[in-house]
C-alpha atoms as a PDB file:
ATOM      1  CA  UNK A   1      -9.635 -25.811 -76.075  1.00  0.00           C
ATOM      2  CA  UNK A   2     -12.479 -23.320 -76.131  1.00  0.00           C
ATOM      3  CA  UNK A   3     -14.036 -21.664 -73.140  1.00  0.00           C
ATOM      4  CA  UNK A   4     -17.339 -23.555 -73.560  1.00  0.00           C
ATOM      5  CA  UNK A   5     -15.550 -26.922 -73.754  1.00  0.00           C
ATOM      6  CA  UNK A   6     -13.523 -26.118 -70.622  1.00  0.00           C
ATOM      7  CA  UNK A   7     -16.673 -25.067 -68.774  1.00  0.00           C
ATOM      8  CA  UNK A   8     -18.377 -28.352 -69.771  1.00  0.00           C
ATOM      9  CA  UNK A   9     -15.390 -30.384 -68.502  1.00  0.00           C
ATOM     10  CA  UNK A  10     -15.358 -28.447 -65.221  1.00  0.00           C
ATOM     11  CA  UNK A  11     -19.104 -28.961 -64.766  1.00  0.00           C
ATOM     12  CA  UNK A  12     -18.686 -32.700 -65.439  1.00  0.00           C
ATOM     13  CA  UNK A  13     -15.796 -32.866 -62.962  1.00  0.00           C
ATOM     14  CA  UNK A  14     -17.916 -31.021 -60.378  1.00  0.00           C
ATOM     15  CA  UNK A  15     -20.740 -33.541 -60.827  1.00  0.00           C
ATOM     16  CA  UNK A  16     -18.316 -36.438 -60.467  1.00  0.00           C
ATOM     17  CA  UNK A  17     -16.789 -34.943 -57.324  1.00  0.00           C
ATOM     18  CA  UNK A  18     -20.236 -34.347 -55.829  1.00  0.00           C
ATOM     19  CA  UNK A  19     -21.185 -37.978 -56.472  1.00  0.00           C
ATOM     20  CA  UNK A  20     -17.897 -39.251 -55.023  1.00  0.00           C
ATOM     21  CA  UNK A  21     -18.462 -37.061 -51.970  1.00  0.00           C
ATOM     22  CA  UNK A  22     -21.995 -38.441 -51.473  1.00  0.00           C
ATOM     23  CA  UNK A  23     -20.744 -42.023 -51.732  1.00  0.00           C
ATOM     24  CA  UNK A  24     -17.943 -41.348 -49.259  1.00  0.00           C
ATOM     25  CA  UNK A  25     -20.341 -39.700 -46.796  1.00  0.00           C
ATOM     26  CA  UNK A  26     -22.630 -42.729 -47.115  1.00  0.00           C
ATOM     27  CA  UNK A  27     -19.725 -44.991 -46.155  1.00  0.00           C
ATOM     28  CA  UNK A  28     -19.003 -42.727 -43.179  1.00  0.00           C
ATOM     29  CA  UNK A  29     -22.635 -42.791 -42.024  1.00  0.00           C
ATOM     30  CA  UNK A  30     -22.822 -46.571 -42.411  1.00  0.00           C
ATOM     31  CA  UNK A  31     -19.596 -47.012 -40.434  1.00  0.00           C
ATOM     32  CA  UNK A  32     -20.911 -44.769 -37.673  1.00  0.00           C
ATOM     33  CA  UNK A  33     -24.204 -46.677 -37.466  1.00  0.00           C
ATOM     34  CA  UNK A  34     -22.539 -50.095 -37.493  1.00  0.00           C
ATOM     35  CA  UNK A  35     -20.096 -48.920 -34.829  1.00  0.00           C
ATOM     36  CA  UNK A  36     -22.934 -47.788 -32.570  1.00  0.00           C
ATOM     37  CA  UNK A  37     -24.643 -51.144 -33.088  1.00  0.00           C
ATOM     38  CA  UNK A  38     -21.326 -52.873 -32.301  1.00  0.00           C
ATOM     39  CA  UNK A  39     -21.514 -55.012 -35.430  1.00  0.00           C
ATOM     40  CA  UNK A  40     -17.822 -55.733 -35.904  1.00  0.00           C
ATOM     41  CA  UNK A  41     -17.831 -57.870 -39.077  1.00  0.00           C
ATOM     42  CA  UNK A  42     -20.120 -55.586 -41.139  1.00  0.00           C
ATOM     43  CA  UNK A  43     -18.155 -52.596 -39.811  1.00  0.00           C
ATOM     44  CA  UNK A  44     -14.876 -54.127 -41.014  1.00  0.00           C
ATOM     45  CA  UNK A  45     -16.421 -55.002 -44.392  1.00  0.00           C
ATOM     46  CA  UNK A  46     -17.682 -51.426 -44.761  1.00  0.00           C
ATOM     47  CA  UNK A  47     -14.254 -50.078 -43.863  1.00  0.00           C
ATOM     48  CA  UNK A  48     -12.632 -52.289 -46.495  1.00  0.00           C
ATOM     49  CA  UNK A  49     -15.227 -51.279 -49.109  1.00  0.00           C
ATOM     50  CA  UNK A  50     -14.593 -47.599 -48.340  1.00  0.00           C
ATOM     51  CA  UNK A  51     -10.845 -48.143 -48.648  1.00  0.00           C
ATOM     52  CA  UNK A  52     -11.272 -49.978 -51.957  1.00  0.00           C
ATOM     53  CA  UNK A  53     -13.525 -47.191 -53.252  1.00  0.00           C
ATOM     54  CA  UNK A  54     -10.938 -44.563 -52.273  1.00  0.00           C
ATOM     55  CA  UNK A  55      -8.158 -46.569 -53.952  1.00  0.00           C
ATOM     56  CA  UNK A  56     -10.196 -46.745 -57.179  1.00  0.00           C
ATOM     57  CA  UNK A  57     -10.912 -43.012 -57.095  1.00  0.00           C
ATOM     58  CA  UNK A  58      -7.244 -42.143 -56.542  1.00  0.00           C
ATOM     59  CA  UNK A  59      -6.167 -44.567 -59.282  1.00  0.00           C
ATOM     60  CA  UNK A  60      -8.569 -42.868 -61.718  1.00  0.00           C
ATOM     61  CA  UNK A  61      -7.296 -39.419 -60.696  1.00  0.00           C
ATOM     62  CA  UNK A  62      -3.685 -40.545 -61.199  1.00  0.00           C
ATOM     63  CA  UNK A  63      -4.542 -42.064 -64.580  1.00  0.00           C
ATOM     64  CA  UNK A  64      -6.300 -38.860 -65.665  1.00  0.00           C
ATOM     65  CA  UNK A  65      -3.376 -36.752 -64.426  1.00  0.00           C
ATOM     66  CA  UNK A  66      -0.828 -38.932 -66.271  1.00  0.00           C
ATOM     67  CA  UNK A  67      -2.921 -38.844 -69.456  1.00  0.00           C
ATOM     68  CA  UNK A  68      -3.243 -35.053 -69.266  1.00  0.00           C
ATOM     69  CA  UNK A  69       0.476 -34.648 -68.596  1.00  0.00           C
ATOM     70  CA  UNK A  70       1.430 -36.783 -71.608  1.00  0.00           C
ATOM     71  CA  UNK A  71      -0.939 -34.803 -73.841  1.00  0.00           C
ATOM     72  CA  UNK A  72       0.755 -31.591 -72.698  1.00  0.00           C
ATOM     73  CA  UNK A  73       4.179 -33.048 -73.507  1.00  0.00           C
ATOM     74  CA  UNK A  74       3.052 -34.051 -76.989  1.00  0.00           C
ATOM     75  CA  UNK A  75       1.714 -30.556 -77.764  1.00  0.00           C
END
């Protein structure tokens, strides 16, 4: 893989991580606000949504890692 292609992949990964970070921080801010307002049901729903989002992100990372590892084994 060439240097330019690697740099493009890294830049794309950086953009994805920045977006994931913004979404996660939004969940955190929403949880904090709902907690201060003592809105238990929306707070729980937000917590569950944040957990589901994190599970999806980690599943994608694991899938990408497994795919990369198998490519390395084939080469």
